[in-house]
Protein backbone atom coordinates (compact mmCIF):
# COMPACT_ATOMS: atom_id res chain seq x y z
CA MET A 1 0.00 0.00 0.00
CA ALA A 2 1.41 3.39 -0.98
CA ALA A 3 2.34 5.94 1.70
CA PRO A 4 -0.23 8.69 2.23
CA ASN A 5 0.43 11.97 0.48
CA LYS A 6 1.53 14.26 3.36
CA LYS A 7 0.51 17.40 1.57
CA HIS A 8 -3.11 16.43 2.11
CA ASP A 9 -2.62 16.02 5.86
CA LYS A 10 -3.07 19.80 6.34
CA PRO A 11 -5.75 22.08 4.95
CA THR A 12 -4.89 24.23 1.98
CA THR A 13 -6.07 27.61 0.78
CA GLY A 14 -7.44 26.05 -2.35
CA HIS A 15 -4.90 27.83 -4.51
CA SER A 16 -2.95 25.70 -6.92
CA TRP A 17 -0.22 26.63 -9.40
CA ASP A 18 0.93 23.93 -11.77
CA GLY A 19 -0.13 21.31 -9.26
CA ILE A 20 1.56 23.05 -6.34
CA GLU A 21 -0.89 23.73 -3.54
CA GLU A 22 -0.64 26.41 -0.84
CA PHE A 23 -0.96 25.25 2.78
CA ASP A 24 -3.30 27.22 5.04
CA ASN A 25 -0.91 27.32 7.99
CA PRO A 26 -1.69 29.63 10.93
CA LEU A 27 0.60 32.62 11.57
CA PRO A 28 3.20 32.13 14.31
CA ARG A 29 1.90 33.03 17.74
CA TRP A 30 4.86 35.33 18.51
CA TRP A 31 4.24 37.27 15.31
CA LEU A 32 0.54 37.70 16.11
CA TRP A 33 1.26 38.96 19.64
CA ILE A 34 3.73 41.52 18.27
CA PHE A 35 1.16 42.59 15.68
CA TYR A 36 -1.53 43.02 18.35
CA ALA A 37 0.92 44.91 20.58
CA CYS A 38 1.68 47.31 17.73
CA ILE A 39 -2.02 47.99 17.24
CA LEU A 40 -2.44 48.62 20.97
CA TRP A 41 0.60 50.91 21.01
CA SER A 42 -0.76 52.93 18.08
CA VAL A 43 -4.04 53.49 19.92
CA VAL A 44 -2.16 54.61 23.06
CA TYR A 45 0.03 56.90 20.93
CA TRP A 46 -3.01 58.48 19.29
CA ILE A 47 -4.35 59.30 22.74
CA LEU A 48 -1.14 60.59 24.32
CA TYR A 49 0.58 62.45 21.45
CA PRO A 50 -0.37 64.69 18.51
CA ALA A 51 -1.51 62.33 15.78
CA TRP A 52 -4.59 63.20 13.78
CA PRO A 53 -4.39 66.15 11.37
CA MET A 54 -7.15 68.71 11.67
CA VAL A 55 -7.90 71.82 9.59
CA SER A 56 -5.19 74.06 11.04
CA ARG A 57 -3.31 71.77 13.45
CA ALA A 58 -3.06 68.20 14.68
CA THR A 59 -4.81 66.81 17.74
CA ALA A 60 -2.81 67.89 20.81
CA GLY A 61 -2.87 64.59 22.71
CA VAL A 62 -3.36 64.10 26.45
CA LEU A 63 0.31 64.88 27.21
CA GLY A 64 0.23 68.09 25.19
CA TYR A 65 3.64 67.34 23.69
CA SER A 66 4.88 69.54 20.83
CA SER A 67 8.18 69.16 19.02
CA ARG A 68 7.82 72.75 17.83
CA ALA A 69 7.49 73.91 21.42
CA ASP A 70 10.69 72.04 22.25
CA VAL A 71 12.51 73.75 19.37
CA ASP A 72 11.12 77.15 20.40
CA ALA A 73 12.25 76.59 23.98
CA GLU A 74 15.73 75.56 22.87
CA MET A 75 16.00 78.56 20.56
CA ALA A 76 14.84 80.86 23.36
CA THR A 77 17.59 79.44 25.58
CA TRP A 78 20.26 80.13 22.97
CA ASP A 79 18.80 83.55 22.21
CA ALA A 80 19.03 84.45 25.88
CA GLU A 81 22.68 83.38 26.00
CA ASN A 82 23.48 85.22 22.78
CA GLN A 83 21.70 88.35 23.98
CA VAL A 84 24.39 88.83 26.61
CA TRP A 85 26.96 89.06 23.83
CA TYR A 86 24.73 91.19 21.63
CA ASP A 87 24.31 93.66 24.50
CA HIS A 88 28.08 93.71 24.93
CA LEU A 89 28.48 94.27 21.19
CA VAL A 90 26.13 97.26 21.18
CA SER A 91 27.74 98.83 24.24
CA THR A 92 31.26 98.56 22.80
CA ALA A 93 32.62 101.26 20.49
CA PRO A 94 32.84 99.84 16.96
CA ASP A 95 36.58 100.45 16.68
CA GLN A 96 37.16 98.62 19.98
CA ILE A 97 35.36 95.37 19.12
CA ALA A 98 38.47 93.78 17.61
CA ALA A 99 40.41 94.58 20.80
CA ASP A 100 38.28 92.02 22.70
CA PRO A 101 39.13 88.59 21.18
CA GLU A 102 36.04 86.83 22.55
CA LEU A 103 33.70 89.62 21.46
CA GLN A 104 35.36 89.74 18.04
CA ARG A 105 34.99 85.98 17.63
CA PHE A 106 31.30 86.17 18.54
CA ALA A 107 30.70 89.16 16.25
CA VAL A 108 32.39 87.52 13.27
CA ASN A 109 30.51 84.23 13.70
CA ALA A 110 27.18 85.96 14.23
CA GLY A 111 27.88 88.35 11.37
CA ALA A 112 28.69 85.46 9.02
CA SER A 113 25.19 84.06 9.60
CA VAL A 114 23.60 87.45 8.98
CA PHE A 115 25.69 87.89 5.83
CA ARG A 116 24.63 84.53 4.40
CA ALA A 117 20.97 85.31 5.04
CA GLN A 118 20.88 88.99 4.03
CA CYS A 119 23.88 89.92 1.86
CA SER A 120 25.08 86.89 -0.08
CA GLN A 121 22.35 87.25 -2.72
CA CYS A 122 24.20 90.26 -4.14
CA HIS A 123 27.74 90.01 -2.80
CA GLY A 124 27.99 86.25 -3.23
CA ALA A 125 28.36 83.50 -0.63
CA GLY A 126 32.09 84.15 -0.57
CA ALA A 127 31.64 87.95 -0.55
CA ASP A 128 33.53 88.27 -3.84
CA GLY A 129 30.84 90.31 -5.58
CA VAL A 130 29.42 87.32 -7.51
CA ARG A 131 31.43 88.04 -10.65
CA MET A 132 33.75 90.63 -12.13
CA GLY A 133 31.93 93.67 -13.48
CA SER A 134 28.61 92.68 -11.92
CA GLY A 135 28.03 95.96 -10.09
CA PHE A 136 28.14 94.19 -6.72
CA PRO A 137 31.31 95.19 -4.84
CA ASN A 138 33.91 92.60 -3.90
CA LEU A 139 34.26 92.69 -0.11
CA LEU A 140 37.42 90.59 0.01
CA ASP A 141 39.86 93.29 -1.07
CA ASP A 142 40.93 96.51 0.61
CA GLU A 143 39.24 98.84 -1.87
CA TRP A 144 36.32 100.68 -0.25
CA MET A 145 34.08 103.04 -2.19
CA TRP A 146 32.49 104.53 0.92
CA GLY A 147 35.23 103.86 3.45
CA GLY A 148 36.29 100.68 5.21
CA THR A 149 36.37 101.57 8.90
CA MET A 150 33.90 99.89 11.21
CA ASP A 151 31.93 103.14 11.47
CA ASP A 152 31.87 103.47 7.68
CA ILE A 153 30.63 99.91 7.15
CA ILE A 154 27.99 100.24 9.87
CA GLN A 155 26.76 103.44 8.21
CA THR A 156 26.56 101.73 4.83
CA VAL A 157 24.77 98.64 6.13
CA THR A 158 22.37 100.67 8.26
CA TYR A 159 21.15 103.13 5.63
CA GLY A 160 22.29 101.64 2.33
CA ILE A 161 23.25 103.47 -0.84
CA ARG A 162 21.06 105.61 -3.12
CA ASN A 163 17.80 104.16 -1.85
CA GLU A 164 14.67 106.20 -1.22
CA GLU A 165 13.86 104.50 2.08
CA PHE A 166 16.35 106.39 4.24
CA PRO A 167 17.25 110.10 4.04
CA ASP A 168 20.65 109.18 5.51
CA ALA A 169 21.44 106.71 2.74
CA ARG A 170 24.79 107.38 1.08
CA TYR A 171 24.21 109.24 -2.14
CA SER A 172 26.16 110.21 -5.21
CA GLU A 173 25.37 110.22 -8.90
CA MET A 174 27.76 110.12 -11.82
CA PRO A 175 26.68 112.17 -14.84
CA SER A 176 25.89 110.34 -18.06
CA PHE A 177 28.36 112.25 -20.18
CA GLY A 178 27.29 110.70 -23.47
CA ARG A 179 23.57 110.24 -23.02
CA ASP A 180 23.12 113.78 -21.70
CA GLU A 181 25.53 115.19 -24.33
CA LEU A 182 27.91 116.62 -21.77
CA LEU A 183 30.86 115.37 -23.79
CA THR A 184 31.29 114.71 -27.48
CA ALA A 185 32.06 111.24 -28.80
CA ASP A 186 35.67 112.30 -29.41
CA GLN A 187 36.04 113.60 -25.85
CA ILE A 188 34.58 110.37 -24.46
CA ASN A 189 37.03 108.36 -26.51
CA GLU A 190 39.90 110.50 -25.23
CA VAL A 191 38.91 110.24 -21.57
CA VAL A 192 38.42 106.50 -21.90
CA GLN A 193 42.00 106.17 -23.15
CA HIS A 194 43.18 108.33 -20.26
CA VAL A 195 41.42 106.08 -17.73
CA LEU A 196 43.01 103.05 -19.40
CA ALA A 197 46.37 104.77 -18.95
CA LEU A 198 45.64 105.54 -15.29
CA SER A 199 44.92 101.88 -14.62
CA GLY A 200 48.04 100.69 -16.41
CA GLN A 201 46.25 99.08 -19.34
CA PRO A 202 47.18 99.22 -23.04
CA HIS A 203 46.00 102.54 -24.49
CA ASP A 204 46.46 105.07 -27.26
CA ALA A 205 49.05 107.48 -25.85
CA ALA A 206 48.05 110.43 -28.02
CA LEU A 207 44.35 110.12 -27.17
CA ALA A 208 45.15 109.53 -23.48
CA SER A 209 47.21 112.71 -23.39
CA ALA A 210 44.34 114.68 -24.88
CA GLY A 211 41.92 112.97 -22.49
CA GLU A 212 43.86 114.12 -19.45
CA GLN A 213 42.43 117.63 -19.70
CA VAL A 214 38.94 116.25 -20.30
CA PHE A 215 39.38 114.15 -17.18
CA LEU A 216 40.61 117.09 -15.09
CA ASP A 217 37.71 119.26 -16.22
CA ASN A 218 34.92 116.70 -15.77
CA CYS A 219 36.01 113.77 -13.61
CA ALA A 220 38.78 114.86 -11.23
CA SER A 221 36.42 116.65 -8.84
CA CYS A 222 35.17 113.22 -7.72
CA HIS A 223 37.81 110.73 -8.78
CA GLY A 224 40.85 112.93 -8.03
CA ASP A 225 43.48 114.29 -10.39
CA ASN A 226 45.31 110.96 -10.45
CA GLY A 227 42.20 108.79 -10.31
CA ALA A 228 42.67 107.76 -6.67
CA GLY A 229 38.95 108.09 -5.92
CA ASP A 230 37.16 109.68 -2.99
CA THR A 231 35.30 107.66 -0.35
CA PHE A 232 33.42 110.77 0.83
CA VAL A 233 31.34 110.74 -2.36
CA GLY A 234 31.69 107.05 -3.16
CA ALA A 235 33.85 107.70 -6.23
CA PRO A 236 35.88 104.56 -6.99
CA ALA A 237 39.60 104.64 -7.67
CA LEU A 238 40.43 104.42 -11.36
CA ASN A 239 44.18 103.88 -11.03
CA ASN A 240 44.08 100.20 -10.11
CA ALA A 241 42.77 96.94 -11.54
CA ILE A 242 39.60 96.81 -9.38
CA TRP A 243 36.44 97.53 -11.36
CA LEU A 244 32.84 97.54 -10.22
CA TYR A 245 31.30 97.49 -13.70
CA GLY A 246 34.21 96.13 -15.70
CA GLY A 247 37.50 97.65 -16.82
CA THR A 248 37.74 96.91 -20.51
CA GLU A 249 37.71 99.76 -23.02
CA ALA A 250 34.10 98.92 -23.90
CA ASP A 251 33.08 98.76 -20.24
CA ILE A 252 34.65 102.12 -19.42
CA ARG A 253 33.08 103.74 -22.49
CA ALA A 254 29.65 102.39 -21.47
CA THR A 255 30.11 103.78 -17.96
CA VAL A 256 31.17 107.22 -19.15
CA THR A 257 28.36 107.33 -21.71
CA ASN A 258 25.44 106.16 -19.57
CA ALA A 259 26.85 105.99 -16.03
CA HIS A 260 25.55 103.58 -13.39
CA PHE A 261 23.30 104.09 -10.40
CA GLY A 262 23.73 101.09 -8.14
CA ILE A 263 21.36 100.85 -5.18
CA MET A 264 21.86 99.03 -1.90
CA PRO A 265 18.99 98.66 0.59
CA GLY A 266 19.37 99.88 4.14
CA PHE A 267 18.91 97.39 6.96
CA ALA A 268 17.94 99.70 9.80
CA ASN A 269 14.34 98.45 9.61
CA ARG A 270 15.32 94.85 8.90
CA LEU A 271 18.00 94.04 11.44
CA PRO A 272 18.59 95.05 15.06
CA GLU A 273 21.62 97.21 15.77
CA ALA A 274 23.54 94.30 17.27
CA GLN A 275 23.24 92.24 14.08
CA ILE A 276 24.23 95.23 11.94
CA ARG A 277 27.37 95.62 14.03
CA ALA A 278 28.02 91.89 13.82
CA VAL A 279 27.82 91.79 10.03
CA ALA A 280 29.98 94.92 9.86
CA ALA A 281 32.61 93.15 11.97
CA TYR A 282 32.42 90.14 9.66
CA VAL A 283 32.85 92.24 6.51
CA HIS A 284 35.57 94.38 8.11
CA GLN A 285 37.80 91.37 8.76
CA LEU A 286 37.28 89.75 5.35
CA GLY A 287 39.88 91.70 3.44
CA GLY A 288 41.59 94.81 4.67
CA GLY A 289 39.14 96.73 6.80
CA GLN A 290 40.55 100.14 7.55
């Protein structure tokens, strides 16, 4: 007599694939108890903690726990500790901040955060002015259009440049010598060659010589006789290789013809005084603060 077929000793699900039947074995007890425990734990969690989303917030739960409240409390703790340093920063004369190593370290670190959030969009994450000739000043060198002392930088950050929001904003305006027909095309060409000569670039010597008088009559009152610039009126130096709007012959001609009117917002209504001082300290130490 043949041995019984063992696969028929247990019930099956009734499913069969190519003669292979599926046993209807019960789930392991340990697995079921874990499954039931998970269901029970989920019900307890729903009761104790925020769980179910509502229209504007989730259910609070019996314990009233809030991860946001924890974050807010932690931030408040750090804000309170930082406030001590911010108060110290405000009460210290700007030119004396660097004399206190701990205060300087705090100011630079705090200012770096402010810079990344408020200034990097124009000046670049590395403070290099984004790109050459962009119209956004490079803050890594020691060339300052409006002065590079701590007081100068604080003034600039606080009120900005050529904006209509603050009466104390720094203000200057270069004439558009070509557009407004203040100079002829020949005179513009001559003064462009003179500026190229001042900055040590290849130039037409004859035209540059003729352009010297044009420069003295029309440009020297702001930029100086030798093109050294004047921080009082925000006139950039023209006798070096640092250019805000580009230093090629075409760039200089475009500037003389149509001029530029760059605007920087003031932050007096956006940042507290302590953060303005902090970002000024950060910028001041980047590259040759005066």
